[in-house]
C-alpha cells in the first residue's frame, strides 16, 4: 500500500457549504485507518476526494510523496468500493472483476489467474458466469470488492463495503479483508 498525506485539504461546494476544513492527515504505508463519525460529517466526501471523484477545493494530497490533486482517478492507482457498488450490468461477474486488468492490458493468463484467485477468496467462483441482475445485494458487493482488489491498488478505499452482507458472511469477509491487508502491505 502507499503512504497517503493530506495537507490543509478543503472541500467547498458552489453553494458555500464547507464540508472538509483544513484536513491534515498522514497514513503510513501498511497502516489500516478507519474514519468514524455521524452521518453527513464528510467521511464519504473525504474518501471521494482521495479517490479523485470529488475535486479538492484547496490543499494538497500526496501518494508516496507525489502530489496527485490533478491526476484522474484511474491514474491514482486507487481501488475503491463504495456502499453503492457500481457493476456493469451487461458483463458477467468474471468480466466485471477482470475489467480493470483488461484496461491495464494484462495478458489473458494474468487476468484469468487473478480473477480466479480473487473469486475464490470472496466465495464467488460458482457465480463467475452470472450477470449482476442474477445476484443478491451481498454477492454484488463482493464482486465490487473483487474488482477493486484484483488491480492490486496502491491504496484501497472502502466506504461501508460490507453493509449488504448477512452477519456470518460479513464476519468471513472482514477476516478475508484483514488477510488481504496483511499480505498486501509492503515489508
Protein backbone atom coordinates (compact mmCIF):
# COMPACT_ATOMS: atom_id res chain seq x y z
CA UNK A 1 0.00 0.00 0.00
CA UNK A 2 1.04 3.63 -0.36
CA UNK A 3 1.72 6.46 2.06
CA UNK A 4 -1.13 9.00 1.94
CA UNK A 5 -0.68 12.57 3.09
CA UNK A 6 -3.39 15.24 3.19
CA UNK A 7 -2.22 18.82 3.74
CA UNK A 8 -4.78 21.52 4.58
CA UNK A 9 -7.41 19.78 2.45
CA UNK A 10 -10.68 21.64 1.89
CA UNK A 11 -13.92 20.87 0.12
CA UNK A 12 -16.21 23.82 -0.51
CA UNK A 13 -19.29 23.30 -2.66
CA UNK A 14 -20.63 26.03 -5.01
CA UNK A 15 -23.41 26.83 -2.52
CA UNK A 16 -20.71 27.74 0.03
CA UNK A 17 -21.03 24.59 2.16
CA UNK A 18 -17.56 23.98 3.62
CA UNK A 19 -17.64 20.21 4.21
CA UNK A 20 -13.94 19.40 4.75
CA UNK A 21 -11.99 22.10 6.61
CA UNK A 22 -8.18 22.13 6.62
CA UNK A 23 -7.83 18.36 6.98
CA UNK A 24 -4.31 17.22 7.78
CA UNK A 25 -3.63 13.51 7.92
CA UNK A 26 -0.78 11.10 7.24
CA UNK A 27 -1.43 7.40 6.79
CA UNK A 28 1.82 5.49 6.54
CA UNK A 29 2.42 2.63 4.14
CA UNK A 30 0.83 -0.51 5.58
CA UNK A 31 -1.45 1.24 8.07
CA UNK A 32 -5.15 0.47 8.24
CA UNK A 33 -7.22 3.55 9.06
CA UNK A 34 -10.94 3.94 9.75
CA UNK A 35 -12.92 7.19 9.59
CA UNK A 36 -15.76 7.19 12.12
CA UNK A 37 -18.35 9.90 12.59
CA UNK A 38 -22.04 10.75 12.33
CA UNK A 39 -23.92 10.74 9.06
CA UNK A 40 -23.18 13.85 7.00
CA UNK A 41 -19.85 14.73 8.64
CA UNK A 42 -17.80 14.31 5.44
CA UNK A 43 -16.39 10.76 5.68
CA UNK A 44 -17.57 9.72 2.22
CA UNK A 45 -16.65 13.12 0.76
CA UNK A 46 -13.11 12.69 2.09
CA UNK A 47 -12.83 9.23 0.54
CA UNK A 48 -14.22 10.51 -2.77
CA UNK A 49 -11.64 13.33 -2.75
CA UNK A 50 -8.82 10.83 -2.15
CA UNK A 51 -10.19 8.64 -4.95
CA UNK A 52 -10.33 11.60 -7.34
CA UNK A 53 -14.11 11.52 -7.71
CA UNK A 54 -14.56 14.85 -5.90
CA UNK A 55 -12.47 17.89 -6.74
CA UNK A 56 -10.20 19.18 -3.98
CA UNK A 57 -11.11 22.85 -3.39
CA UNK A 58 -7.75 23.66 -1.82
CA UNK A 59 -4.87 21.90 -0.15
CA UNK A 60 -2.64 19.09 -1.29
CA UNK A 61 -2.92 15.33 -1.49
CA UNK A 62 0.18 13.17 -1.89
CA UNK A 63 0.55 9.45 -2.57
CA UNK A 64 4.07 8.21 -1.86
CA UNK A 65 5.25 11.85 -1.73
CA UNK A 66 3.81 12.68 -5.19
CA UNK A 67 1.13 15.38 -5.44
CA UNK A 68 -1.87 13.78 -7.13
CA UNK A 69 -4.51 16.55 -6.93
CA UNK A 70 -4.74 16.80 -10.71
CA UNK A 71 -4.44 13.10 -11.55
CA UNK A 72 -7.55 11.32 -12.82
CA UNK A 73 -9.00 8.53 -10.66
CA UNK A 74 -7.58 5.87 -12.99
CA UNK A 75 -4.09 7.35 -12.80
CA UNK A 76 -4.00 7.40 -8.99
CA UNK A 77 -3.77 3.62 -8.62
CA UNK A 78 -6.53 3.50 -6.02
CA UNK A 79 -9.00 0.68 -5.56
CA UNK A 80 -12.35 1.83 -4.23
CA UNK A 81 -15.54 0.19 -3.09
CA UNK A 82 -18.41 2.39 -2.03
CA UNK A 83 -21.69 1.42 -0.41
CA UNK A 84 -23.47 1.89 -3.73
CA UNK A 85 -21.45 -0.60 -5.74
CA UNK A 86 -21.38 0.09 -9.48
CA UNK A 87 -21.24 -3.02 -11.64
CA UNK A 88 -21.59 -3.27 -15.39
CA UNK A 89 -24.98 -4.99 -15.86
CA UNK A 90 -24.15 -6.39 -19.32
CA UNK A 91 -20.99 -8.14 -18.07
CA UNK A 92 -20.63 -11.38 -16.16
CA UNK A 93 -19.09 -11.50 -12.70
CA UNK A 94 -15.85 -12.67 -14.33
CA UNK A 95 -15.88 -9.76 -16.80
CA UNK A 96 -16.68 -7.22 -14.07
CA UNK A 97 -13.75 -8.38 -11.94
CA UNK A 98 -11.43 -8.55 -14.97
CA UNK A 99 -12.40 -5.12 -16.34
CA UNK A 100 -9.58 -3.07 -14.76
CA UNK A 101 -6.97 -5.66 -15.70
CA UNK A 102 -8.10 -5.58 -19.33
CA UNK A 103 -7.79 -1.78 -19.33
CA UNK A 104 -4.27 -2.21 -17.92
CA UNK A 105 -3.57 -4.53 -20.88
CA UNK A 106 -2.65 -7.56 -18.76
CA UNK A 107 -2.27 -10.89 -20.56
CA UNK A 108 -5.24 -13.26 -20.73
CA UNK A 109 -3.41 -15.69 -18.44
CA UNK A 110 -2.62 -12.98 -15.87
CA UNK A 111 -6.25 -11.85 -15.94
CA UNK A 112 -7.61 -15.37 -15.58
CA UNK A 113 -5.25 -16.25 -12.72
CA UNK A 114 -6.00 -13.03 -10.84
CA UNK A 115 -9.79 -13.20 -11.33
CA UNK A 116 -9.98 -16.82 -10.19
CA UNK A 117 -7.81 -16.15 -7.13
CA UNK A 118 -9.96 -13.18 -6.06
CA UNK A 119 -13.18 -15.08 -6.83
CA UNK A 120 -12.07 -17.93 -4.58
CA UNK A 121 -11.14 -15.53 -1.78
CA UNK A 122 -14.55 -13.81 -1.98
CA UNK A 123 -16.55 -17.03 -2.46
CA UNK A 124 -17.64 -16.05 -5.98
CA UNK A 125 -16.21 -18.95 -8.02
CA UNK A 126 -19.61 -20.55 -8.70
CA UNK A 127 -21.01 -17.19 -9.84
CA UNK A 128 -18.39 -16.17 -12.42
CA UNK A 129 -20.74 -16.65 -15.39
CA UNK A 130 -23.70 -14.86 -13.76
CA UNK A 131 -24.72 -11.27 -14.51
CA UNK A 132 -25.29 -8.70 -11.72
CA UNK A 133 -29.09 -8.91 -12.13
CA UNK A 134 -28.89 -12.58 -11.10
CA UNK A 135 -27.01 -11.81 -7.86
CA UNK A 136 -28.08 -10.84 -4.36
CA UNK A 137 -27.00 -7.49 -2.92
CA UNK A 138 -24.27 -9.17 -0.89
CA UNK A 139 -22.95 -11.02 -3.93
CA UNK A 140 -22.88 -7.78 -5.93
CA UNK A 141 -20.97 -6.11 -3.13
CA UNK A 142 -18.38 -8.91 -3.14
CA UNK A 143 -17.98 -8.52 -6.91
CA UNK A 144 -17.30 -4.80 -6.41
CA UNK A 145 -14.71 -5.62 -3.73
CA UNK A 146 -13.14 -8.17 -6.08
CA UNK A 147 -12.95 -5.67 -8.92
CA UNK A 148 -11.02 -3.29 -6.67
CA UNK A 149 -8.73 -5.91 -5.08
CA UNK A 150 -7.76 -7.63 -8.33
CA UNK A 151 -5.97 -4.49 -9.57
CA UNK A 152 -3.54 -4.65 -6.63
CA UNK A 153 -4.01 -0.94 -5.90
CA UNK A 154 -1.56 1.38 -4.14
CA UNK A 155 -4.36 2.40 -1.81
CA UNK A 156 -7.65 0.68 -1.07
CA UNK A 157 -10.69 2.72 0.00
CA UNK A 158 -13.79 1.12 1.48
CA UNK A 159 -16.97 3.05 2.26
CA UNK A 160 -19.35 0.69 4.09
CA UNK A 161 -18.40 -2.20 1.79
CA UNK A 162 -19.98 -4.92 3.91
CA UNK A 163 -23.34 -3.29 4.62
CA UNK A 164 -25.32 -5.61 2.33
CA UNK A 165 -23.84 -8.86 3.65
CA UNK A 166 -25.53 -11.16 6.13
CA UNK A 167 -23.89 -11.42 9.56
CA UNK A 168 -21.93 -14.66 9.04
CA UNK A 169 -20.63 -13.62 5.62
CA UNK A 170 -19.75 -10.17 6.99
CA UNK A 171 -17.52 -11.83 9.61
CA UNK A 172 -15.81 -14.00 6.95
CA UNK A 173 -15.28 -11.01 4.65
CA UNK A 174 -13.77 -8.96 7.50
CA UNK A 175 -11.28 -11.78 8.06
CA UNK A 176 -10.57 -12.01 4.31
CA UNK A 177 -10.01 -8.24 4.06
CA UNK A 178 -7.75 -8.30 7.13
CA UNK A 179 -5.78 -11.13 5.49
CA UNK A 180 -5.63 -9.15 2.23
CA UNK A 181 -4.32 -6.10 4.13
CA UNK A 182 -1.68 -8.14 5.95
CA UNK A 183 -0.49 -9.83 2.75
CA UNK A 184 -0.52 -6.70 0.58
CA UNK A 185 1.43 -4.43 2.95
CA UNK A 186 4.99 -3.78 1.93
CA UNK A 187 7.68 -5.11 4.29
